[in-house]
Amino acid sequence: MTRRTLPIVAVLLVVACGASASPALAAGASSDPAPGSSALPARAGAPGSDTTGNLLVLLDRAGAAAGGSALQGAIARLGARLAGVAVPEIGLVTVRPPLAIGSAAFAAILRLLPGVASVQVEHRFVPRDVPNDPALSALDPRSGVVQWALAREGFYSAWNISHGDGARVGVIDTGIDARHPDLQGKIAAAVDQQAPSDSAGPAATDQSGHGTHVSSLACAGTNNGIGIAGAGYDCMLVVEKTDYSESSIAASIVDATNRHVQAINMSFGELTAVGGPPESEIRAINYALAHKVVLVAAAADSPVADQGDPANVLQPAGTGPNIAQGIGLDVTAADYAGSRASFAGDGSEISIAAFGAFDPAAVSLLPCVGAPVGIFGAYPGNSTQMEAASEACRSRFAGDDRYATVAGTSMAAPQVAAAAAMMRVLNPYASVSEVIRVLKATAQRPAGAGWGSDLGWGILNAGAALDLIRRVDRLAPVSRVDAPRLARHRRFLLRWSGHDQQKTGLIASGIARYQVFVRVNGARARLIATTTHHSLRFRGRPGFRYVFFTIAIDRAGNRERRPHDATTRVTRGAR
């Protein structure tokens, strides 16, 4: 059997150094605040009463009309400075007190100035759902917080919509350290798909380190007060420990599908091109697609256009620029600055990007020296092959050294897989192709831009993706018509009502119109009205029997399938 490479990963380890990186993202960034920016509190998840150190000064009408110039001069003379945001339309000026004067005392001084209506200490809001995992809020001088990527990828907004309850992510990888505190209770199944002769140990162990790190980025324990948060919050893991043979990969895809995963992550690729994927893999992929599984693969960990199998099966060459093409997602890695990581694949096979690196200048596989370059995640407690190869470096966090920082497209892919699984659970009526298209359409990119060869459709924005997928309406509306059983007059009133079906968490598009049909004396039904109203007067003939029904059509184009009918008989003496 042709063997696969060990997982794709280009890695360098984070060490405590003073190197910095630009926090800027490309335009069109996630609505979630960037860690370390002025929009995120120093202690994420702290009460909304945390202060910024600034004062909010509201001018009265006269002061606002003067543009606040007098106030600005007074502020400068007092040794303070303007800070934060000014909103001239409402007369708001934000002021930073001088270091030598406390906020309360300086506020009292400002209240005495002419043109000042009020002065208040400025407080800072926090995102509505920020878990209590320490890595989300522990400060890091280089990246703002230790686990910075999730906020930048819109996961805080995503978690306000769904916690991914019931979601399962399949991870085909090197196993998992089931004893890790951030992974306990998160493993729905750990399945050994290795040939006995190639076994590296039980599925619930990880001799490499790769599988544990990848799995944690998708579904680590979240809001459990320890370590890191998983992108999929409450999602569960189905770990398929593979020996990377073609038969093992096919078996892993099918088994994960049979265990009801919504997405499968494949952070691996070919050692050398072998002239196309094996038929066994194609059949396994089609089996997963038939069961509505979203397939996600890591792009190459070198700046090449051919991403290799399985990535180029999911997004074949030349199809990336077409948002409607591709049967899965080929994920490349972005760095902290919002650019494609220098080691990551590019070109027409790239679907989307997620953060997989910190330092944009990291290109080599050096040991733990130099600037930090990777993504922080869980790591096995045992010694690992990745450490020996200088591909991973342990990081002691909160007294626990079972964490590491690793860079690679392998780290980007599971974050996308987790988002896809959350979307599938939130809206099980949406198709795989709709989930894929929504992830591409909502990705972060410059305003007005489309697909690009570096980041595909852009950097993952999980919050925007979940918000859009819950608006994808695939449920038909229902209606019911009411008509008199016996009409003593030729003209009589028909009434009907209806509603667009809506499941928990989804947003229905609403009924757009009704079609009203009639069958006369058992003849074929004919359309008598298309309307947005809920009644009409019908003129019948004495002695005739009429059967009425309505069909509701919603704004998404869904059409009612089994309408209720009502029968009216017009008396022979009707006038």
Protein backbone atom coordinates (compact mmCIF):
# COMPACT_ATOMS: atom_id res chain seq x y z
CA MET A 1 0.00 0.00 0.00
CA THR A 2 1.16 3.49 -0.77
CA ARG A 3 2.01 5.25 2.45
CA ARG A 4 1.13 8.78 3.38
CA THR A 5 3.42 11.30 4.97
CA LEU A 6 3.14 12.05 8.60
CA PRO A 7 0.86 15.05 9.10
CA ILE A 8 1.45 18.25 7.24
CA VAL A 9 3.09 20.70 9.60
CA ALA A 10 5.68 23.41 9.28
CA VAL A 11 6.49 24.36 12.78
CA LEU A 12 8.49 26.56 15.05
CA LEU A 13 7.94 26.89 18.76
CA VAL A 14 6.95 29.90 20.76
CA VAL A 15 9.55 31.06 23.21
CA ALA A 16 9.43 34.03 25.48
CA CYS A 17 10.98 36.70 23.33
CA GLY A 18 10.21 40.31 22.72
CA ALA A 19 9.50 40.06 18.99
CA SER A 20 6.30 41.74 17.88
CA ALA A 21 3.99 41.43 14.91
CA SER A 22 1.46 43.74 13.36
CA PRO A 23 -2.03 43.06 14.68
CA ALA A 24 -3.73 44.39 11.58
CA LEU A 25 -6.09 42.16 9.68
CA ALA A 26 -7.17 42.68 6.14
CA ALA A 27 -10.23 44.85 5.73
CA GLY A 28 -13.47 43.04 6.24
CA ALA A 29 -12.25 41.52 9.49
CA SER A 30 -14.35 39.74 12.05
CA SER A 31 -16.67 41.80 14.17
CA ASP A 32 -15.11 40.24 17.27
CA PRO A 33 -12.51 42.44 19.00
CA ALA A 34 -8.90 41.58 18.32
CA PRO A 35 -7.04 40.33 21.38
CA GLY A 36 -4.68 42.96 22.69
CA SER A 37 -6.53 45.76 20.89
CA SER A 38 -8.32 48.61 22.62
CA ALA A 39 -11.60 46.82 21.96
CA LEU A 40 -10.85 43.87 24.23
CA PRO A 41 -10.68 44.14 28.01
CA ALA A 42 -7.42 43.26 29.71
CA ARG A 43 -9.27 40.50 31.49
CA ALA A 44 -11.59 38.98 28.91
CA GLY A 45 -14.73 37.75 30.57
CA ALA A 46 -14.48 40.18 33.51
CA PRO A 47 -17.62 42.09 34.48
CA GLY A 48 -18.67 44.96 32.23
CA SER A 49 -17.71 47.45 34.98
CA ASP A 50 -13.98 47.18 34.19
CA THR A 51 -12.66 50.65 33.47
CA THR A 52 -10.46 51.87 30.62
CA GLY A 53 -8.70 54.64 32.57
CA ASN A 54 -10.39 57.27 30.39
CA LEU A 55 -13.13 59.79 31.16
CA LEU A 56 -16.20 60.36 29.00
CA VAL A 57 -16.88 64.08 28.67
CA LEU A 58 -20.21 65.21 27.24
CA LEU A 59 -20.37 68.84 26.11
CA ASP A 60 -23.45 70.99 26.42
CA ARG A 61 -24.98 72.50 23.29
CA ALA A 62 -22.77 75.56 23.36
CA GLY A 63 -19.62 73.52 23.88
CA ALA A 64 -20.54 71.05 21.16
CA ALA A 65 -21.36 73.87 18.74
CA ALA A 66 -17.90 75.30 19.31
CA GLY A 67 -16.40 71.94 18.40
CA GLY A 68 -14.91 71.42 21.83
CA SER A 69 -11.90 73.61 21.00
CA ALA A 70 -12.01 75.40 24.34
CA LEU A 71 -12.14 72.11 26.19
CA GLN A 72 -9.21 70.71 24.19
CA GLY A 73 -7.09 73.71 25.13
CA ALA A 74 -8.02 73.36 28.80
CA ILE A 75 -7.23 69.66 28.73
CA ALA A 76 -3.79 70.32 27.30
CA ARG A 77 -3.05 72.97 29.93
CA LEU A 78 -4.05 70.54 32.69
CA GLY A 79 -1.57 67.95 31.43
CA ALA A 80 -4.21 65.51 30.12
CA ARG A 81 -4.74 64.33 26.57
CA LEU A 82 -7.49 63.26 24.25
CA ALA A 83 -7.89 59.49 24.05
CA GLY A 84 -10.27 56.87 22.76
CA VAL A 85 -13.03 57.95 20.43
CA ALA A 86 -14.64 61.37 19.93
CA VAL A 87 -18.21 61.59 18.63
CA PRO A 88 -18.88 65.24 17.70
CA GLU A 89 -22.47 64.50 16.65
CA ILE A 90 -23.41 63.94 20.30
CA GLY A 91 -20.74 66.16 21.89
CA LEU A 92 -18.63 63.26 23.21
CA VAL A 93 -14.93 63.68 23.96
CA THR A 94 -12.78 60.98 25.60
CA VAL A 95 -10.01 62.21 27.89
CA ARG A 96 -7.04 60.49 29.53
CA PRO A 97 -6.23 62.07 32.93
CA PRO A 98 -2.62 63.03 33.72
CA LEU A 99 -0.67 60.40 35.62
CA ALA A 100 -0.33 62.59 38.68
CA ILE A 101 -4.10 63.02 39.18
CA GLY A 102 -6.62 60.26 39.83
CA SER A 103 -9.62 59.81 37.60
CA ALA A 104 -12.15 60.92 40.22
CA ALA A 105 -10.23 64.09 41.07
CA PHE A 106 -9.67 65.02 37.44
CA ALA A 107 -13.33 64.38 36.64
CA ALA A 108 -14.26 66.90 39.33
CA ILE A 109 -11.94 69.48 37.71
CA LEU A 110 -13.43 68.90 34.25
CA ARG A 111 -16.98 69.32 35.54
CA LEU A 112 -16.08 72.93 36.50
CA LEU A 113 -15.06 73.83 32.94
CA PRO A 114 -17.52 75.89 30.86
CA GLY A 115 -19.29 73.90 28.16
CA VAL A 116 -19.07 70.60 30.03
CA ALA A 117 -22.42 68.90 30.67
CA SER A 118 -21.17 65.75 32.40
CA VAL A 119 -18.06 63.66 33.08
CA GLN A 120 -18.11 59.92 33.71
CA VAL A 121 -15.51 57.22 34.15
CA GLU A 122 -15.40 55.07 31.00
CA HIS A 123 -16.13 51.37 31.41
CA ARG A 124 -15.56 48.57 28.96
CA PHE A 125 -18.02 46.02 27.68
CA VAL A 126 -17.05 42.43 26.93
CA PRO A 127 -18.36 40.04 24.29
CA ARG A 128 -21.49 38.33 25.57
CA ASP A 129 -20.05 34.83 25.59
CA VAL A 130 -16.39 34.67 26.52
CA PRO A 131 -15.56 31.32 28.16
CA ASN A 132 -13.45 31.23 31.30
CA ASP A 133 -10.56 29.29 29.76
CA PRO A 134 -7.41 31.12 30.95
CA ALA A 135 -5.63 31.13 27.58
CA LEU A 136 -8.36 33.39 26.16
CA SER A 137 -7.55 36.14 28.64
CA ALA A 138 -3.97 35.54 29.83
CA LEU A 139 -1.97 38.46 28.50
CA ASP A 140 0.86 37.94 26.05
CA PRO A 141 3.09 40.92 25.16
CA ARG A 142 3.34 39.82 21.53
CA SER A 143 -0.18 38.72 20.59
CA GLY A 144 -2.36 40.42 23.20
CA VAL A 145 -3.59 37.16 24.73
CA VAL A 146 -2.18 33.64 24.57
CA GLN A 147 -5.05 32.17 22.54
CA TRP A 148 -5.64 35.08 20.19
CA ALA A 149 -6.89 33.35 17.04
CA LEU A 150 -10.45 32.48 18.10
CA ALA A 151 -11.54 36.09 18.67
CA ARG A 152 -9.94 37.13 15.37
CA GLU A 153 -11.87 34.38 13.60
CA GLY A 154 -15.23 35.49 14.95
CA PHE A 155 -15.79 32.61 17.35
CA TYR A 156 -17.00 34.84 20.20
CA SER A 157 -19.90 35.92 17.96
CA ALA A 158 -20.41 32.32 16.88
CA TRP A 159 -20.73 31.21 20.50
CA ASN A 160 -23.44 33.81 21.06
CA ILE A 161 -25.45 31.95 18.40
CA SER A 162 -24.58 28.35 19.25
CA HIS A 163 -22.35 26.33 21.57
CA GLY A 164 -22.27 23.46 19.09
CA ASP A 165 -24.30 21.13 21.30
CA GLY A 166 -24.50 17.77 19.55
CA ALA A 167 -21.76 18.57 17.04
CA ARG A 168 -19.12 15.94 16.32
CA VAL A 169 -15.83 16.52 14.53
CA GLY A 170 -13.96 13.58 13.06
CA VAL A 171 -10.18 13.91 13.30
CA ILE A 172 -8.06 11.53 11.22
CA ASP A 173 -4.66 11.84 12.79
CA THR A 174 -2.00 10.34 15.07
CA GLY A 175 -4.34 9.64 17.98
CA ILE A 176 -5.07 11.68 21.08
CA ASP A 177 -3.89 11.90 24.66
CA ALA A 178 -7.19 11.00 26.30
CA ARG A 179 -5.76 11.78 29.74
CA HIS A 180 -5.24 15.45 28.93
CA PRO A 181 -7.41 17.58 31.26
CA ASP A 182 -8.59 19.77 28.37
CA LEU A 183 -9.74 16.71 26.41
CA GLN A 184 -11.32 14.57 29.10
CA GLY A 185 -15.03 14.18 28.48
CA LYS A 186 -14.63 15.46 24.92
CA ILE A 187 -13.90 12.19 23.12
CA ALA A 188 -17.00 10.43 21.75
CA ALA A 189 -14.83 7.70 20.25
CA ALA A 190 -11.14 6.91 19.68
CA VAL A 191 -10.80 4.27 16.98
CA ASP A 192 -7.65 2.41 15.96
CA GLN A 193 -7.38 2.33 12.15
CA GLN A 194 -3.74 1.18 12.08
CA ALA A 195 -2.51 -2.06 10.62
CA PRO A 196 -1.04 -4.23 13.42
CA SER A 197 2.37 -4.12 11.80
CA ASP A 198 2.31 -0.30 11.71
CA SER A 199 0.70 0.39 15.06
CA ALA A 200 2.11 3.26 17.11
CA GLY A 201 -0.05 2.46 20.11
CA PRO A 202 -3.74 2.60 21.12
CA ALA A 203 -6.02 5.24 19.64
CA ALA A 204 -6.36 7.05 22.98
CA THR A 205 -2.61 7.71 23.02
CA ASP A 206 -0.53 9.98 20.83
CA GLN A 207 3.16 9.28 20.28
CA SER A 208 3.49 12.06 17.69
CA GLY A 209 1.76 14.98 19.40
CA HIS A 210 0.12 16.13 16.18
CA GLY A 211 -3.28 14.54 16.72
CA THR A 212 -3.68 15.88 20.25
CA HIS A 213 -2.82 19.42 19.19
CA VAL A 214 -5.12 19.33 16.15
CA SER A 215 -7.99 17.80 18.12
CA SER A 216 -7.71 20.40 20.87
CA LEU A 217 -7.97 23.29 18.43
CA ALA A 218 -11.29 21.88 17.24
CA CYS A 219 -12.95 20.66 20.42
CA ALA A 220 -10.93 21.21 23.59
CA GLY A 221 -12.96 21.58 26.76
CA THR A 222 -14.42 25.08 26.74
CA ASN A 223 -15.59 27.18 29.68
CA ASN A 224 -14.06 24.59 32.01
CA GLY A 225 -11.73 27.04 33.73
CA ILE A 226 -8.50 25.43 32.52
CA GLY A 227 -6.15 25.71 29.58
CA ILE A 228 -7.57 26.59 26.20
CA ALA A 229 -10.94 26.84 24.50
CA GLY A 230 -11.89 24.69 21.52
CA ALA A 231 -13.28 26.44 18.47
CA GLY A 232 -16.38 24.25 18.51
CA TYR A 233 -17.11 24.94 22.22
CA ASP A 234 -19.25 21.92 23.19
CA CYS A 235 -18.42 19.77 20.16
CA MET A 236 -17.25 16.19 20.65
CA LEU A 237 -14.37 14.37 18.97
CA VAL A 238 -14.34 11.17 16.96
CA VAL A 239 -10.63 10.42 16.68
CA GLU A 240 -9.52 7.96 14.00
CA LYS A 241 -5.90 6.96 14.66
CA THR A 242 -4.39 6.21 11.27
CA ASP A 243 -1.17 4.77 9.92
CA TYR A 244 -1.71 6.99 6.84
CA SER A 245 -2.03 4.08 4.43
CA GLU A 246 -4.71 4.51 1.78
CA SER A 247 -6.83 1.75 3.24
CA SER A 248 -6.57 3.28 6.71
CA ILE A 249 -7.64 6.70 5.40
CA ALA A 250 -10.66 5.23 3.59
CA ALA A 251 -11.66 3.23 6.66
CA SER A 252 -11.29 6.31 8.87
CA ILE A 253 -13.52 8.47 6.67
CA VAL A 254 -16.25 5.81 6.55
CA ASP A 255 -16.08 4.98 10.27
CA ALA A 256 -16.21 8.63 11.32
CA THR A 257 -19.21 9.09 9.02
CA ASN A 258 -20.93 6.08 10.57
CA ARG A 259 -20.38 7.66 13.99
CA HIS A 260 -22.46 10.65 12.88
CA VAL A 261 -19.85 13.38 12.61
CA GLN A 262 -20.85 16.61 10.91
CA ALA A 263 -17.32 17.38 9.70
CA ILE A 264 -14.06 15.49 9.20
CA ASN A 265 -10.65 17.13 9.54
CA MET A 266 -7.76 15.76 7.47
CA SER A 267 -4.50 17.50 8.35
CA PHE A 268 -2.26 15.32 6.18
CA GLY A 269 -1.12 14.95 2.59
CA GLU A 270 0.91 12.92 0.14
CA LEU A 271 4.62 12.26 0.47
CA THR A 272 4.90 12.32 -3.32
CA ALA A 273 2.27 12.71 -6.03
CA VAL A 274 1.10 9.30 -7.22
CA GLY A 275 -1.02 10.27 -10.20
CA GLY A 276 -4.33 10.96 -8.56
CA PRO A 277 -6.23 9.72 -5.51
CA PRO A 278 -7.04 6.03 -5.16
CA GLU A 279 -10.55 4.94 -6.02
CA SER A 280 -11.02 3.74 -2.44
CA GLU A 281 -10.56 7.28 -1.18
CA ILE A 282 -12.96 8.70 -3.77
CA ARG A 283 -15.61 6.18 -2.71
CA ALA A 284 -15.05 6.99 0.96
CA ILE A 285 -15.33 10.73 0.30
CA ASN A 286 -18.53 10.22 -1.68
CA TYR A 287 -19.88 8.08 1.15
CA ALA A 288 -19.26 10.91 3.59
CA LEU A 289 -20.81 13.49 1.27
CA ALA A 290 -23.91 11.31 0.87
CA HIS A 291 -24.29 11.47 4.65
CA LYS A 292 -23.95 15.28 4.67
CA VAL A 293 -20.45 15.38 6.19
CA VAL A 294 -18.35 18.48 5.51
CA LEU A 295 -14.82 17.44 4.56
CA VAL A 296 -11.90 19.73 5.46
CA ALA A 297 -8.26 19.20 4.46
CA ALA A 298 -5.07 21.10 5.21
CA ALA A 299 -3.27 22.70 2.30
CA ALA A 300 0.42 22.01 1.68
CA ASP A 301 2.94 23.26 4.21
CA SER A 302 5.06 24.75 1.46
CA PRO A 303 4.23 27.67 -0.87
CA VAL A 304 3.16 25.54 -3.83
CA ALA A 305 0.08 25.57 -6.05
CA ASP A 306 -0.47 21.79 -5.99
CA GLN A 307 -1.85 21.06 -2.53
CA GLY A 308 -1.79 17.29 -2.99
CA ASP A 309 -4.33 14.64 -2.06
CA PRO A 310 -6.78 14.89 -0.28
CA ALA A 311 -6.84 18.71 -0.43
CA ASN A 312 -6.91 18.84 -4.22
CA VAL A 313 -9.73 16.30 -4.32
CA LEU A 314 -11.93 18.57 -2.24
CA GLN A 315 -10.99 21.71 -4.19
CA PRO A 316 -9.50 20.67 -7.54
CA ALA A 317 -7.05 22.80 -9.48
CA GLY A 318 -8.67 25.83 -11.09
CA THR A 319 -11.88 25.66 -9.05
CA GLY A 320 -10.96 27.88 -6.08
CA PRO A 321 -12.07 31.16 -7.70
CA ASN A 322 -15.58 29.76 -8.29
CA ILE A 323 -17.44 29.99 -4.99
CA ALA A 324 -19.88 27.28 -6.06
CA GLN A 325 -17.24 24.68 -6.95
CA GLY A 326 -15.51 22.18 -4.70
CA ILE A 327 -16.89 19.30 -2.65
CA GLY A 328 -15.03 20.28 0.52
CA LEU A 329 -12.61 22.86 1.87
CA ASP A 330 -8.85 23.15 1.28
CA VAL A 331 -7.55 25.34 4.11
CA THR A 332 -4.32 27.33 4.04
CA ALA A 333 -2.72 29.12 6.99
CA ALA A 334 -2.82 32.83 7.77
CA ASP A 335 -0.43 34.55 10.16
CA TYR A 336 -1.08 37.08 12.91
CA ALA A 337 -0.80 39.98 10.47
CA GLY A 338 -3.63 38.56 8.36
CA SER A 339 -1.41 37.48 5.47
CA ARG A 340 -0.76 33.99 4.15
CA ALA A 341 1.89 32.31 6.26
CA SER A 342 5.12 32.12 4.29
CA PHE A 343 5.23 28.32 4.52
CA ALA A 344 1.62 27.73 3.44
CA GLY A 345 0.18 26.57 0.12
CA ASP A 346 -1.44 28.97 -2.32
CA GLY A 347 -3.03 28.99 -5.75
CA SER A 348 -6.26 27.90 -7.38
CA GLU A 349 -6.88 24.94 -5.05
CA ILE A 350 -7.22 27.11 -1.93
CA SER A 351 -10.75 27.48 -0.55
CA ILE A 352 -10.29 29.49 2.63
CA ALA A 353 -7.76 30.35 5.34
CA ALA A 354 -7.58 30.21 9.13
CA PHE A 355 -4.85 31.24 11.52
CA GLY A 356 -2.04 28.73 11.60
CA ALA A 357 0.98 30.89 12.43
CA PHE A 358 2.07 33.88 14.46
CA ASP A 359 5.29 35.21 12.98
CA PRO A 360 4.92 35.95 9.25
CA ALA A 361 8.67 35.61 8.76
CA ALA A 362 8.88 32.02 10.00
CA VAL A 363 9.95 29.76 7.16
CA SER A 364 12.26 27.13 8.60
CA LEU A 365 11.92 24.17 10.91
CA LEU A 366 14.34 25.35 13.55
CA PRO A 367 14.29 24.27 17.19
CA CYS A 368 12.75 26.42 19.92
CA VAL A 369 14.58 29.64 19.21
CA GLY A 370 13.68 32.99 17.72
CA ALA A 371 10.31 34.68 17.40
CA PRO A 372 7.10 32.86 18.27
CA VAL A 373 5.48 31.43 15.19
CA GLY A 374 2.68 29.03 16.09
CA ILE A 375 -0.79 28.40 17.49
CA PHE A 376 -1.26 27.46 21.13
CA GLY A 377 -2.96 24.13 21.84
CA ALA A 378 -3.04 21.03 24.01
CA TYR A 379 -0.17 18.55 23.85
CA PRO A 380 0.44 15.02 25.18
CA GLY A 381 1.97 14.45 28.57
CA ASN A 382 4.32 11.81 27.14
CA SER A 383 7.45 12.53 25.09
CA THR A 384 6.63 12.90 21.40
CA GLN A 385 8.15 12.53 17.95
CA MET A 386 7.41 16.17 17.08
CA GLU A 387 9.55 17.36 19.95
CA ALA A 388 12.45 15.17 18.82
CA ALA A 389 12.16 16.62 15.32
CA SER A 390 12.00 20.16 16.69
CA GLU A 391 8.54 20.58 15.20
CA ALA A 392 6.85 21.37 18.50
CA CYS A 393 7.83 23.00 21.72
CA ARG A 394 6.14 22.58 25.04
CA SER A 395 4.82 25.68 26.73
CA ARG A 396 4.21 25.68 30.47
CA PHE A 397 0.88 27.36 31.04
CA ALA A 398 -0.67 27.82 34.48
CA GLY A 399 1.85 25.32 35.82
CA ASP A 400 0.98 22.62 33.24
CA ASP A 401 3.45 21.71 30.47
CA ARG A 402 0.91 19.71 28.47
CA TYR A 403 0.56 22.54 25.96
CA ALA A 404 2.59 23.53 22.93
CA THR A 405 2.75 26.09 20.18
CA VAL A 406 2.85 24.67 16.68
CA ALA A 407 2.57 26.34 13.28
CA GLY A 408 1.11 24.79 10.15
CA THR A 409 -1.85 24.44 7.85
CA SER A 410 -2.63 21.44 10.07
CA MET A 411 -3.52 23.93 12.82
CA ALA A 412 -5.70 26.07 10.55
CA ALA A 413 -7.89 23.25 9.22
CA PRO A 414 -9.47 21.99 12.50
CA GLN A 415 -10.76 25.46 13.32
CA VAL A 416 -12.65 25.47 10.02
CA ALA A 417 -13.86 21.91 10.62
CA ALA A 418 -15.24 22.92 14.02
CA ALA A 419 -17.10 25.88 12.51
CA ALA A 420 -18.54 23.63 9.80
CA ALA A 421 -19.75 21.09 12.37
CA MET A 422 -21.43 23.83 14.40
CA MET A 423 -23.17 25.07 11.25
CA ARG A 424 -24.42 21.60 10.35
CA VAL A 425 -25.91 21.10 13.81
CA LEU A 426 -27.43 24.57 13.91
CA ASN A 427 -29.09 24.11 10.51
CA PRO A 428 -29.32 20.41 9.66
CA TYR A 429 -31.56 21.27 6.70
CA ALA A 430 -28.77 23.12 4.87
CA SER A 431 -26.79 21.07 2.39
CA VAL A 432 -23.05 20.46 2.53
CA SER A 433 -22.58 22.69 -0.50
CA GLU A 434 -24.49 25.48 1.26
CA VAL A 435 -22.30 25.19 4.35
CA ILE A 436 -19.18 25.33 2.19
CA ARG A 437 -20.45 28.30 0.21
CA VAL A 438 -21.45 30.22 3.35
CA LEU A 439 -17.99 29.70 4.88
CA LYS A 440 -16.42 31.11 1.74
CA ALA A 441 -18.90 33.97 1.35
CA THR A 442 -18.50 35.20 4.94
CA ALA A 443 -14.71 34.89 5.16
CA GLN A 444 -12.76 38.03 6.06
CA ARG A 445 -11.28 39.85 3.08
CA PRO A 446 -10.94 43.46 1.89
CA ALA A 447 -14.22 45.16 1.05
CA GLY A 448 -15.22 44.46 -2.53
CA ALA A 449 -12.62 41.75 -2.96
CA GLY A 450 -13.32 38.19 -4.04
CA TRP A 451 -11.15 35.12 -4.14
CA GLY A 452 -7.37 35.54 -3.99
CA SER A 453 -4.57 33.06 -4.57
CA ASP A 454 -3.02 33.66 -1.12
CA LEU A 455 -6.00 33.22 1.23
CA GLY A 456 -8.68 31.89 -1.09
CA TRP A 457 -11.99 33.52 -0.13
CA GLY A 458 -10.40 34.96 3.01
CA ILE A 459 -9.84 34.20 6.69
CA LEU A 460 -12.51 32.25 8.54
CA ASN A 461 -15.25 34.33 10.20
CA ALA A 462 -17.18 31.77 12.23
CA GLY A 463 -19.66 34.27 13.69
CA ALA A 464 -20.70 35.58 10.29
CA ALA A 465 -20.92 32.03 8.94
CA LEU A 466 -23.23 30.83 11.73
CA ASP A 467 -25.35 33.94 11.44
CA LEU A 468 -25.83 33.40 7.72
CA ILE A 469 -26.41 29.64 7.85
CA ARG A 470 -29.24 30.09 10.36
CA ARG A 471 -30.96 32.24 7.73
CA VAL A 472 -30.70 29.57 5.05
CA ASP A 473 -34.35 28.50 4.95
CA ARG A 474 -35.04 25.02 3.63
CA LEU A 475 -38.31 24.34 5.50
CA ALA A 476 -41.53 24.68 3.53
CA PRO A 477 -44.30 26.87 4.95
CA VAL A 478 -47.74 25.55 5.83
CA SER A 479 -51.21 27.01 5.28
CA ARG A 480 -54.85 26.13 5.83
CA VAL A 481 -57.94 27.35 4.00
CA ASP A 482 -61.37 27.82 5.54
CA ALA A 483 -64.57 27.78 3.46
CA PRO A 484 -68.24 27.25 4.29
CA ARG A 485 -69.43 23.67 3.96
CA LEU A 486 -72.72 24.82 2.54
CA ALA A 487 -73.12 28.07 0.64
CA ARG A 488 -76.64 29.48 0.27
CA HIS A 489 -75.40 32.34 -1.86
CA ARG A 490 -73.40 32.16 -5.06
CA ARG A 491 -70.76 34.52 -3.65
CA PHE A 492 -69.05 33.39 -0.49
CA LEU A 493 -65.88 34.17 1.43
CA LEU A 494 -62.70 32.08 1.52
CA ARG A 495 -60.16 32.67 4.28
CA TRP A 496 -56.75 31.16 4.86
CA SER A 497 -53.82 31.47 7.19
CA GLY A 498 -50.25 30.19 7.20
CA HIS A 499 -46.84 30.42 8.73
CA ASP A 500 -43.29 29.66 7.74
CA GLN A 501 -41.94 26.76 9.77
CA GLN A 502 -39.15 27.70 12.14
CA LYS A 503 -36.93 25.46 14.23
CA THR A 504 -35.01 26.53 17.32
CA GLY A 505 -32.01 28.66 16.42
CA LEU A 506 -33.07 29.25 12.81
CA ILE A 507 -34.55 32.36 11.24
CA ALA A 508 -37.40 31.70 8.80
CA SER A 509 -37.60 33.74 5.62
CA GLY A 510 -41.36 34.30 5.97
CA ILE A 511 -44.25 33.65 3.61
CA ALA A 512 -44.01 35.61 0.38
CA ARG A 513 -47.35 34.70 -1.21
CA TYR A 514 -50.20 32.21 -1.43
CA GLN A 515 -51.58 30.39 -4.42
CA VAL A 516 -55.28 29.57 -4.20
CA PHE A 517 -56.63 26.56 -6.12
CA VAL A 518 -60.04 25.09 -6.75
CA ARG A 519 -61.37 21.75 -8.05
CA VAL A 520 -64.89 21.88 -9.47
CA ASN A 521 -66.99 18.72 -9.22
CA GLY A 522 -63.89 16.53 -9.00
CA ALA A 523 -62.17 18.02 -12.03
CA ARG A 524 -58.51 18.94 -12.16
CA ALA A 525 -57.38 21.72 -9.82
CA ARG A 526 -56.86 25.16 -11.31
CA LEU A 527 -55.18 28.29 -9.94
CA ILE A 528 -57.62 31.09 -9.20
CA ALA A 529 -55.37 33.57 -7.38
CA THR A 530 -51.79 34.37 -6.38
CA THR A 531 -51.87 36.85 -3.55
CA THR A 532 -50.33 38.15 -0.34
CA HIS A 533 -53.80 38.60 1.17
CA HIS A 534 -55.66 36.14 3.38
CA SER A 535 -59.15 36.12 1.88
CA LEU A 536 -61.14 36.45 -1.33
CA ARG A 537 -64.75 36.25 -2.44
CA PHE A 538 -65.55 33.39 -4.78
CA ARG A 539 -68.55 33.12 -7.06
CA GLY A 540 -69.93 29.62 -7.48
CA ARG A 541 -72.76 28.00 -9.38
CA PRO A 542 -75.83 26.45 -7.78
CA GLY A 543 -75.56 22.69 -7.28
CA PHE A 544 -71.80 22.61 -7.79
CA ARG A 545 -69.23 21.18 -5.40
CA TYR A 546 -65.94 23.03 -4.88
CA VAL A 547 -62.74 21.88 -3.17
CA PHE A 548 -60.33 24.69 -2.25
CA PHE A 549 -56.74 24.58 -1.08
CA THR A 550 -53.85 27.00 -0.75
CA ILE A 551 -50.14 26.55 -1.30
CA ALA A 552 -47.85 28.87 0.63
CA ILE A 553 -44.50 29.90 -0.83
CA ASP A 554 -41.83 31.54 1.37
CA ARG A 555 -39.22 34.13 0.46
CA ALA A 556 -36.57 31.43 0.10
CA GLY A 557 -38.68 29.75 -2.61
CA ASN A 558 -39.80 26.78 -0.48
CA ARG A 559 -43.22 25.57 -1.57
CA GLU A 560 -45.82 23.86 0.60
CA ARG A 561 -46.17 20.20 -0.36
CA ARG A 562 -49.28 18.81 1.32
CA PRO A 563 -51.93 21.48 1.55
CA HIS A 564 -55.12 21.08 3.58
CA ASP A 565 -58.32 21.49 1.62
CA ALA A 566 -61.85 22.62 2.35
CA THR A 567 -65.01 21.61 0.49
CA THR A 568 -67.96 23.84 -0.26
CA ARG A 569 -71.28 22.79 -1.82
CA VAL A 570 -73.42 25.57 -3.27
CA THR A 571 -77.12 24.92 -2.78
CA ARG A 572 -79.28 24.64 -5.90
CA GLY A 573 -81.37 27.57 -4.85
CA ALA A 574 -78.42 29.86 -4.19
CA ARG A 575 -78.70 33.40 -5.49
